[in-house]
Amino acid sequence: MASAALLLFGVFGLLTAIGVPVAFAIGASAAVTFLLFMDFNQSVFIVAQQMASGLDSFTLLAIPFFILAGNIMNRGGIAVRLIAFAQVLGGRLPGALAHCNVLANMMFGSISGSAVAAAAAVGGVMAPLQKKEGYDPAFSAAVNIASCPTGLLIPPSATLIVYSLITGGTSIAALFVAGYVPGILMGFGLMAVAGIIAKRRGYPVAPRSSWAQVLEATRNAILPLGLVIVVMGGIISGAFTATEASAIAVLYTLILALFWYREISLKDLPSIVLDSAVTTSIVLLMIGASIAMSRAMAFGDIPYALSDALLGISDNPIMILLAINVALLIVGTFMDMTPALLIFTPIFMPVVQSLGMDPVHFGIVMTFNLCIGICTPPVGSALFVGCSVGGTSIGAVIRPLLPFYAVLFVLLLLVTFVPEISLALPKLLLGY
């Protein structure tokens, strides 16, 4: 086991350090680890077999559909309408545009299911407006970067679908409903920090909106937000599965963008589908490689050995959960969310199960934790996109991000040690 763990993580660390793409590094480290137990041909065959069989899942079909729906929304003018609605909601607060940025990310991210898409779409619109109002570009980018992952907790979320698949069937409906309160808490916590900073710096409050402006912004946002009602209503009621809901999301957004708003035309569809196929290929390649790596860990009894070691450090549940959170925070700084979920869920699940932790609660804790990781250097995807659309550098944005990191850490501890934050709604709405 020690040899397998050292080889697996050593090869993976070496390959990522020299710039090998993460998916290939994961697959290669799994293949090398299998060499401890079998010959080269068998090792390569097992990795290929695990990748193919791991992706042979009806549940995973939800991912390409949600990606396609997000791309349609991004190109279909929906982000602009949600931003206008967010401006109405946050206009009278100190630093109105910063609050608008957070609210728009919460809404657009939850509908699109992508933190990067939210950072690009919302940040691309908000950055010029904030600059015009005298906001520091680094502060504006920090707000956008910190808030774009809120949509990974507020459903529908492809990340929670992947977690359900890894854990062998944890209720997707329960995971989706459980994400609402932590996701909203994340957004409101970031708004509180942004408001304090904005008040100290004297950033302007937006003019009071007229009733006509409020009604217009609300009318334009009703149909995009209606997607959440259709998808979540169908899943909670049992009318359709998460995968079927993802297909309905594509149909809904297509009708909205193509026929209602008319922001895209039929000739735009091939490029949208192509972009979605490319993104889907990247995501599924990482999932397949991560499944092979998880199999290599199981073959070498690594998860059980690591869980025994972790439980051997302390018998205090608080200390063990703190250690898991610290480990995930470190992992999140250099690994994307999906492979991190696929690799480390099997390692930590036996530990939290021995503590009596609910799998839905742990799924929300892991997702919240890894949401922080995509905002942190050196490889945070949201960090790079947010800096790009905000017209600033990573070096300049790190200091403004620190207070946002602090509130995210506090909220992570709150979600970890108060299970009812995640489980109250599933119990109320689903009888979980």
Protein backbone atom coordinates (compact mmCIF):
# COMPACT_ATOMS: atom_id res chain seq x y z
CA MET A 1 0.00 0.00 0.00
CA ALA A 2 2.78 2.43 0.90
CA SER A 3 4.53 1.74 -2.41
CA ALA A 4 1.27 2.17 -4.33
CA ALA A 5 0.46 5.48 -2.61
CA LEU A 6 3.97 6.83 -3.10
CA LEU A 7 4.01 5.83 -6.77
CA LEU A 8 0.50 7.10 -7.51
CA PHE A 9 0.82 10.52 -5.94
CA GLY A 10 4.52 10.86 -6.76
CA VAL A 11 4.03 10.27 -10.49
CA PHE A 12 0.96 12.51 -10.51
CA GLY A 13 2.81 15.32 -8.71
CA LEU A 14 5.83 15.02 -11.00
CA LEU A 15 3.78 15.07 -14.20
CA THR A 16 1.68 18.07 -13.14
CA ALA A 17 4.83 19.90 -12.00
CA ILE A 18 6.38 19.60 -15.48
CA GLY A 19 3.20 20.84 -17.15
CA VAL A 20 1.48 17.64 -18.29
CA PRO A 21 -2.31 18.25 -18.59
CA VAL A 22 -4.13 17.08 -15.47
CA ALA A 23 -6.23 14.41 -17.21
CA PHE A 24 -3.17 12.77 -18.77
CA ALA A 25 -1.24 13.01 -15.50
CA ILE A 26 -4.08 11.27 -13.66
CA GLY A 27 -4.36 8.48 -16.24
CA ALA A 28 -0.60 7.93 -16.45
CA SER A 29 -0.17 7.78 -12.67
CA ALA A 30 -2.97 5.18 -12.47
CA ALA A 31 -1.33 3.07 -15.21
CA VAL A 32 2.07 3.22 -13.49
CA THR A 33 0.52 2.20 -10.16
CA PHE A 34 -1.13 -0.84 -11.73
CA LEU A 35 2.37 -1.96 -12.82
CA LEU A 36 2.98 -2.94 -9.20
CA PHE A 37 0.37 -5.67 -9.55
CA MET A 38 0.40 -6.69 -13.23
CA ASP A 39 2.35 -6.40 -16.47
CA PHE A 40 2.34 -3.41 -18.83
CA ASN A 41 -0.34 -4.68 -21.24
CA GLN A 42 -2.72 -5.53 -18.43
CA SER A 43 -2.12 -2.16 -16.78
CA VAL A 44 -2.94 -0.19 -19.92
CA PHE A 45 -5.98 -2.40 -20.58
CA ILE A 46 -7.34 -1.90 -17.05
CA VAL A 47 -6.99 1.90 -17.25
CA ALA A 48 -8.76 2.02 -20.64
CA GLN A 49 -11.46 -0.34 -19.40
CA GLN A 50 -12.08 1.69 -16.26
CA MET A 51 -12.28 4.94 -18.23
CA ALA A 52 -14.79 3.47 -20.68
CA SER A 53 -16.95 1.70 -18.09
CA GLY A 54 -16.86 4.69 -15.74
CA LEU A 55 -18.26 6.97 -18.41
CA ASP A 56 -20.97 4.46 -19.36
CA SER A 57 -23.52 6.12 -17.11
CA PHE A 58 -26.97 7.55 -17.78
CA THR A 59 -26.47 10.02 -14.93
CA LEU A 60 -23.39 11.52 -16.62
CA LEU A 61 -25.49 12.51 -19.63
CA ALA A 62 -26.68 15.43 -17.54
CA ILE A 63 -23.26 17.06 -17.78
CA PRO A 64 -23.14 17.69 -21.58
CA PHE A 65 -26.76 18.83 -21.53
CA PHE A 66 -26.17 21.34 -18.72
CA ILE A 67 -23.00 22.56 -20.47
CA LEU A 68 -24.97 23.08 -23.69
CA ALA A 69 -27.75 24.89 -21.81
CA GLY A 70 -25.16 27.16 -20.17
CA ASN A 71 -23.56 28.03 -23.52
CA ILE A 72 -26.95 28.82 -25.05
CA MET A 73 -27.70 31.14 -22.13
CA ASN A 74 -24.28 32.77 -22.38
CA ARG A 75 -24.78 33.54 -26.06
CA GLY A 76 -28.52 34.19 -25.79
CA GLY A 77 -28.48 37.47 -23.87
CA ILE A 78 -29.72 35.97 -20.62
CA ALA A 79 -26.76 37.19 -18.55
CA VAL A 80 -27.49 40.84 -19.42
CA ARG A 81 -31.11 40.48 -18.30
CA LEU A 82 -30.13 38.85 -15.03
CA ILE A 83 -27.59 41.59 -14.36
CA ALA A 84 -30.29 44.24 -14.89
CA PHE A 85 -32.49 42.41 -12.38
CA ALA A 86 -29.58 42.19 -9.92
CA GLN A 87 -29.01 45.94 -10.24
CA VAL A 88 -32.59 46.51 -9.13
CA LEU A 89 -32.16 44.18 -6.14
CA GLY A 90 -28.85 45.61 -4.91
CA GLY A 91 -29.03 49.18 -6.14
CA ARG A 92 -29.55 50.98 -2.81
CA LEU A 93 -26.78 49.18 -0.92
CA PRO A 94 -23.28 50.67 -0.47
CA GLY A 95 -21.18 49.58 -3.42
CA ALA A 96 -24.27 48.81 -5.46
CA LEU A 97 -22.42 47.40 -8.47
CA ALA A 98 -20.43 45.00 -6.30
CA HIS A 99 -23.67 43.61 -4.83
CA CYS A 100 -25.10 43.43 -8.32
CA ASN A 101 -22.08 41.38 -9.38
CA VAL A 102 -22.59 38.86 -6.56
CA LEU A 103 -26.34 38.54 -7.12
CA ALA A 104 -25.91 38.16 -10.88
CA ASN A 105 -23.31 35.41 -10.35
CA MET A 106 -25.65 33.61 -7.96
CA MET A 107 -28.46 33.66 -10.52
CA PHE A 108 -26.49 33.06 -13.70
CA GLY A 109 -24.18 30.51 -12.09
CA SER A 110 -27.08 28.50 -10.72
CA ILE A 111 -28.78 28.42 -14.12
CA SER A 112 -25.65 27.70 -16.16
CA GLY A 113 -24.00 25.45 -13.56
CA SER A 114 -20.56 26.84 -14.41
CA ALA A 115 -18.42 29.15 -12.29
CA VAL A 116 -16.15 29.98 -15.22
CA ALA A 117 -19.11 30.85 -17.49
CA ALA A 118 -20.54 33.07 -14.75
CA ALA A 119 -17.21 34.81 -14.18
CA ALA A 120 -16.84 35.49 -17.91
CA ALA A 121 -20.42 36.51 -18.68
CA VAL A 122 -21.15 38.58 -15.58
CA GLY A 123 -17.63 39.96 -15.15
CA GLY A 124 -17.48 40.97 -18.81
CA VAL A 125 -20.55 43.15 -18.36
CA MET A 126 -19.84 44.44 -14.85
CA ALA A 127 -16.14 45.36 -15.16
CA PRO A 128 -16.65 48.36 -17.52
CA LEU A 129 -19.61 49.62 -15.44
CA GLN A 130 -17.63 49.43 -12.21
CA LYS A 131 -14.61 51.11 -13.75
CA LYS A 132 -16.83 53.96 -14.95
CA GLU A 133 -18.15 54.41 -11.37
CA GLY A 134 -14.61 54.64 -9.96
CA TYR A 135 -14.24 51.13 -8.56
CA ASP A 136 -10.72 49.76 -8.19
CA PRO A 137 -10.39 47.12 -10.99
CA ALA A 138 -8.65 44.69 -8.61
CA PHE A 139 -11.53 44.97 -6.11
CA SER A 140 -14.11 44.50 -8.87
CA ALA A 141 -12.30 41.42 -10.14
CA ALA A 142 -12.02 40.04 -6.59
CA VAL A 143 -15.78 40.34 -6.07
CA ASN A 144 -16.45 38.59 -9.37
CA ILE A 145 -13.91 35.81 -8.73
CA ALA A 146 -15.08 35.08 -5.19
CA SER A 147 -18.79 35.02 -6.06
CA CYS A 148 -18.82 33.09 -9.35
CA PRO A 149 -18.65 29.63 -7.62
CA THR A 150 -21.94 30.24 -5.75
CA GLY A 151 -23.77 28.66 -8.69
CA LEU A 152 -21.94 25.37 -8.09
CA LEU A 153 -23.88 25.02 -4.84
CA ILE A 154 -27.19 26.56 -5.92
CA PRO A 155 -28.80 23.92 -8.18
CA PRO A 156 -28.88 22.59 -10.78
CA SER A 157 -25.21 21.67 -10.29
CA ALA A 158 -23.20 19.25 -12.42
CA THR A 159 -20.68 18.99 -9.57
CA LEU A 160 -23.30 17.48 -7.25
CA ILE A 161 -24.31 15.06 -10.02
CA VAL A 162 -20.71 13.83 -10.21
CA TYR A 163 -20.61 13.44 -6.42
CA SER A 164 -23.81 11.38 -6.52
CA LEU A 165 -22.25 9.10 -9.13
CA ILE A 166 -19.06 8.58 -7.07
CA THR A 167 -20.92 7.72 -3.87
CA GLY A 168 -23.07 5.09 -5.56
CA GLY A 169 -26.41 6.82 -5.73
CA THR A 170 -26.68 9.56 -3.10
CA SER A 171 -29.99 11.26 -3.90
CA ILE A 172 -29.43 13.98 -6.50
CA ALA A 173 -32.69 15.66 -5.49
CA ALA A 174 -31.52 15.80 -1.86
CA LEU A 175 -28.10 17.14 -2.90
CA PHE A 176 -29.69 19.82 -5.08
CA VAL A 177 -32.07 21.00 -2.37
CA ALA A 178 -29.30 20.84 0.25
CA GLY A 179 -27.19 23.28 -1.79
CA TYR A 180 -29.63 26.18 -1.60
CA VAL A 181 -28.95 27.51 1.91
CA PRO A 182 -25.13 27.11 1.81
CA GLY A 183 -25.02 28.71 -1.67
CA ILE A 184 -27.16 31.65 -0.58
CA LEU A 185 -25.12 31.99 2.62
CA MET A 186 -21.97 32.12 0.51
CA GLY A 187 -23.44 34.89 -1.64
CA PHE A 188 -24.72 36.95 1.29
CA GLY A 189 -21.44 36.56 3.17
CA LEU A 190 -19.53 37.91 0.18
CA MET A 191 -22.03 40.77 -0.17
CA ALA A 192 -21.45 41.71 3.48
CA VAL A 193 -17.68 41.93 2.92
CA ALA A 194 -18.12 43.85 -0.34
CA GLY A 195 -20.53 46.26 1.38
CA ILE A 196 -18.13 47.00 4.25
CA ILE A 197 -15.22 47.64 1.88
CA ALA A 198 -17.38 49.73 -0.46
CA LYS A 199 -18.65 51.90 2.41
CA ARG A 200 -15.10 52.53 3.64
CA ARG A 201 -13.97 53.50 0.16
CA GLY A 202 -17.02 55.62 -0.56
CA TYR A 203 -18.19 53.72 -3.63
CA PRO A 204 -21.50 55.12 -4.91
CA VAL A 205 -25.03 53.91 -4.24
CA ALA A 206 -27.09 53.52 -7.41
CA PRO A 207 -29.94 55.98 -8.05
CA ARG A 208 -33.33 54.76 -6.89
CA SER A 209 -34.99 52.74 -9.63
CA SER A 210 -38.41 53.83 -10.83
CA TRP A 211 -41.32 51.39 -10.65
CA ALA A 212 -41.21 51.14 -14.42
CA GLN A 213 -37.54 50.09 -14.30
CA VAL A 214 -38.24 47.56 -11.54
CA LEU A 215 -41.12 46.03 -13.45
CA GLU A 216 -39.13 45.91 -16.70
CA ALA A 217 -36.11 44.24 -15.09
CA THR A 218 -38.35 41.76 -13.25
CA ARG A 219 -40.29 40.93 -16.40
CA ASN A 220 -37.07 40.26 -18.32
CA ALA A 221 -35.71 38.02 -15.55
CA ILE A 222 -38.83 35.92 -14.94
CA LEU A 223 -38.36 33.56 -17.87
CA PRO A 224 -34.63 32.86 -17.27
CA LEU A 225 -35.28 32.25 -13.56
CA GLY A 226 -38.24 30.10 -14.53
CA LEU A 227 -35.76 27.49 -15.71
CA VAL A 228 -34.76 26.81 -12.08
CA ILE A 229 -38.43 26.38 -11.14
CA VAL A 230 -39.05 23.97 -14.03
CA VAL A 231 -35.90 21.91 -13.41
CA MET A 232 -36.04 21.78 -9.62
CA GLY A 233 -39.83 21.45 -9.51
CA GLY A 234 -39.66 18.45 -11.81
CA ILE A 235 -36.83 16.79 -9.87
CA ILE A 236 -38.36 17.38 -6.42
CA SER A 237 -41.81 16.21 -7.55
CA GLY A 238 -40.33 13.13 -9.19
CA ALA A 239 -41.67 14.09 -12.63
CA PHE A 240 -38.23 13.54 -14.16
CA THR A 241 -34.66 12.63 -13.25
CA ALA A 242 -31.70 15.03 -13.17
CA THR A 243 -30.60 13.76 -16.59
CA GLU A 244 -34.03 14.34 -18.09
CA ALA A 245 -34.07 17.74 -16.39
CA SER A 246 -30.81 18.66 -18.14
CA ALA A 247 -32.36 17.88 -21.55
CA ILE A 248 -35.41 19.95 -20.65
CA ALA A 249 -33.04 22.79 -19.66
CA VAL A 250 -31.52 22.71 -23.16
CA LEU A 251 -34.96 22.84 -24.79
CA TYR A 252 -36.11 25.65 -22.48
CA THR A 253 -33.03 27.84 -23.04
CA LEU A 254 -33.07 27.16 -26.78
CA ILE A 255 -36.68 28.31 -27.11
CA LEU A 256 -35.92 31.35 -24.94
CA ALA A 257 -32.78 32.46 -26.82
CA LEU A 258 -33.86 31.45 -30.33
CA PHE A 259 -37.52 32.40 -30.48
CA TRP A 260 -38.30 34.70 -27.53
CA TYR A 261 -35.25 36.96 -27.17
CA ARG A 262 -33.94 36.21 -30.70
CA GLU A 263 -30.37 36.87 -29.57
CA ILE A 264 -29.12 33.84 -31.53
CA SER A 265 -30.14 32.36 -34.88
CA LEU A 266 -30.07 28.88 -36.36
CA LYS A 267 -26.70 29.59 -37.97
CA ASP A 268 -25.21 30.17 -34.49
CA LEU A 269 -26.19 26.72 -33.24
CA PRO A 270 -23.33 24.72 -34.84
CA SER A 271 -20.67 26.86 -33.10
CA ILE A 272 -22.55 26.66 -29.77
CA VAL A 273 -22.82 22.88 -30.05
CA LEU A 274 -19.14 22.63 -31.04
CA ASP A 275 -18.03 24.73 -28.05
CA SER A 276 -20.18 22.58 -25.78
CA ALA A 277 -18.73 19.38 -27.27
CA VAL A 278 -15.17 20.61 -26.66
CA THR A 279 -15.93 21.53 -23.04
CA THR A 280 -17.76 18.23 -22.51
CA SER A 281 -14.81 16.28 -23.92
CA ILE A 282 -12.41 17.96 -21.49
CA VAL A 283 -14.68 17.33 -18.50
CA LEU A 284 -15.44 13.71 -19.40
CA LEU A 285 -11.78 12.95 -20.10
CA MET A 286 -10.91 14.15 -16.59
CA ILE A 287 -13.79 12.14 -15.14
CA GLY A 288 -12.74 8.98 -16.97
CA ALA A 289 -9.09 9.34 -15.96
CA SER A 290 -10.08 10.09 -12.36
CA ILE A 291 -12.25 6.96 -12.25
CA ALA A 292 -9.22 4.92 -13.38
CA MET A 293 -7.13 6.58 -10.66
CA SER A 294 -9.79 5.79 -8.05
CA ARG A 295 -9.70 2.17 -9.17
CA ALA A 296 -5.91 2.12 -8.81
CA MET A 297 -6.25 3.49 -5.28
CA ALA A 298 -8.84 0.86 -4.41
CA PHE A 299 -6.62 -1.87 -5.89
CA GLY A 300 -3.82 -0.84 -3.56
CA ASP A 301 -6.14 -0.37 -0.53
CA ILE A 302 -5.02 3.27 -0.37
CA PRO A 303 -8.40 4.81 0.70
CA TYR A 304 -8.82 2.44 3.65
CA ALA A 305 -5.21 2.80 4.75
CA LEU A 306 -5.39 6.59 4.60
CA SER A 307 -8.71 6.63 6.42
CA ASP A 308 -7.26 4.38 9.16
CA ALA A 309 -4.27 6.72 9.41
CA LEU A 310 -6.52 9.76 9.66
CA LEU A 311 -8.69 8.13 12.31
CA GLY A 312 -5.52 7.13 14.15
CA ILE A 313 -4.45 10.75 14.52
CA SER A 314 -7.38 11.62 16.74
CA ASP A 315 -10.71 10.23 17.87
CA ASN A 316 -12.17 13.74 18.06
CA PRO A 317 -14.65 14.26 15.16
CA ILE A 318 -14.01 18.01 15.15
CA MET A 319 -10.27 17.55 14.66
CA ILE A 320 -10.81 14.92 11.94
CA LEU A 321 -13.24 17.14 10.00
CA LEU A 322 -10.84 20.08 10.34
CA ALA A 323 -8.03 17.90 8.96
CA ILE A 324 -10.22 16.83 6.01
CA ASN A 325 -11.11 20.45 5.25
CA VAL A 326 -7.47 21.54 5.40
CA ALA A 327 -6.49 18.70 3.07
CA LEU A 328 -9.24 19.61 0.59
CA LEU A 329 -8.30 23.29 0.70
CA ILE A 330 -4.73 22.36 -0.19
CA VAL A 331 -5.89 19.99 -2.94
CA GLY A 332 -8.19 22.67 -4.36
CA THR A 333 -5.29 25.04 -4.92
CA PHE A 334 -3.71 22.80 -7.56
CA MET A 335 -6.48 20.48 -8.81
CA ASP A 336 -9.74 21.20 -10.63
CA MET A 337 -12.97 20.46 -8.81
CA THR A 338 -14.16 17.41 -10.80
CA PRO A 339 -10.99 15.28 -10.54
CA ALA A 340 -10.60 16.35 -6.91
CA LEU A 341 -14.09 15.04 -6.17
CA LEU A 342 -13.48 11.81 -8.05
CA ILE A 343 -10.14 11.10 -6.39
CA PHE A 344 -10.69 12.23 -2.80
CA THR A 345 -14.34 11.33 -2.18
CA PRO A 346 -13.49 7.58 -2.00
CA ILE A 347 -10.64 8.40 0.40
CA PHE A 348 -12.61 10.53 2.84
CA MET A 349 -16.02 8.86 2.58
CA PRO A 350 -15.09 5.89 4.87
CA VAL A 351 -13.79 8.38 7.42
CA VAL A 352 -16.92 10.55 7.55
CA GLN A 353 -19.17 7.49 7.51
CA SER A 354 -17.37 6.19 10.60
CA LEU A 355 -18.17 9.55 12.23
CA GLY A 356 -21.85 9.20 11.31
CA MET A 357 -21.80 12.12 8.85
CA ASP A 358 -24.64 12.17 6.31
CA PRO A 359 -23.40 11.71 2.70
CA VAL A 360 -25.55 14.61 1.48
CA HIS A 361 -24.04 16.88 4.12
CA PHE A 362 -20.52 15.74 3.22
CA GLY A 363 -21.21 16.36 -0.48
CA ILE A 364 -22.13 19.96 0.27
CA VAL A 365 -19.05 20.38 2.49
CA MET A 366 -16.75 19.01 -0.22
CA THR A 367 -18.33 21.17 -2.92
CA PHE A 368 -18.18 24.32 -0.76
CA ASN A 369 -14.55 23.59 0.07
CA LEU A 370 -13.49 22.99 -3.53
CA CYS A 371 -15.39 26.11 -4.64
CA ILE A 372 -12.78 28.08 -2.69
CA GLY A 373 -10.04 26.23 -4.55
CA ILE A 374 -11.08 27.46 -7.98
CA CYS A 375 -10.62 31.02 -6.72
CA THR A 376 -7.09 30.51 -5.42
CA PRO A 377 -3.67 30.43 -7.06
CA PRO A 378 -1.79 28.77 -8.62
CA VAL A 379 -4.31 27.03 -10.91
CA GLY A 380 -7.75 28.38 -9.97
CA SER A 381 -9.77 28.52 -13.20
CA ALA A 382 -12.12 31.22 -11.90
CA LEU A 383 -9.11 33.29 -10.80
CA PHE A 384 -7.64 33.34 -14.31
CA VAL A 385 -10.93 34.07 -16.06
CA GLY A 386 -11.91 36.75 -13.54
CA CYS A 387 -8.58 38.55 -13.92
CA SER A 388 -8.82 38.35 -17.70
CA VAL A 389 -12.31 39.87 -18.00
CA GLY A 390 -11.55 42.35 -15.20
CA GLY A 391 -8.46 43.69 -16.93
CA THR A 392 -6.14 43.10 -13.98
CA SER A 393 -3.35 40.74 -12.94
CA ILE A 394 -3.32 37.85 -10.48
CA GLY A 395 -0.72 39.65 -8.37
CA ALA A 396 -2.94 42.71 -8.07
CA VAL A 397 -6.11 40.81 -7.18
CA ILE A 398 -4.77 38.54 -4.42
CA ARG A 399 -4.75 41.19 -1.69
CA PRO A 400 -8.36 42.34 -2.35
CA LEU A 401 -9.38 38.66 -2.31
CA LEU A 402 -8.06 38.04 1.23
CA PRO A 403 -11.14 39.32 3.14
CA PHE A 404 -13.37 37.28 0.82
CA TYR A 405 -11.26 34.18 1.49
CA ALA A 406 -11.64 34.84 5.23
CA VAL A 407 -15.44 34.91 5.13
CA LEU A 408 -15.51 31.83 2.90
CA PHE A 409 -13.38 29.93 5.43
CA VAL A 410 -15.70 30.95 8.27
CA LEU A 411 -18.78 29.89 6.29
CA LEU A 412 -17.10 26.59 5.39
CA LEU A 413 -16.64 25.82 9.09
CA LEU A 414 -20.26 26.79 9.73
CA VAL A 415 -21.55 24.48 6.99
CA THR A 416 -19.25 21.69 8.21
CA PHE A 417 -20.21 21.75 11.87
CA VAL A 418 -23.90 22.72 11.58
CA PRO A 419 -25.43 19.91 9.48
CA GLU A 420 -28.93 21.42 9.51
CA ILE A 421 -27.75 24.25 7.26
CA SER A 422 -27.52 21.64 4.52
CA LEU A 423 -30.09 19.07 5.65
CA ALA A 424 -33.04 21.16 6.87
CA LEU A 425 -34.50 21.78 3.39
CA PRO A 426 -34.15 18.16 2.17
CA LYS A 427 -35.91 17.01 5.33
CA LEU A 428 -38.65 19.60 4.91
CA LEU A 429 -39.28 19.25 1.16
CA LEU A 430 -38.31 15.63 0.48
CA GLY A 431 -38.76 13.93 3.84
CA TYR A 432 -35.07 12.99 3.63
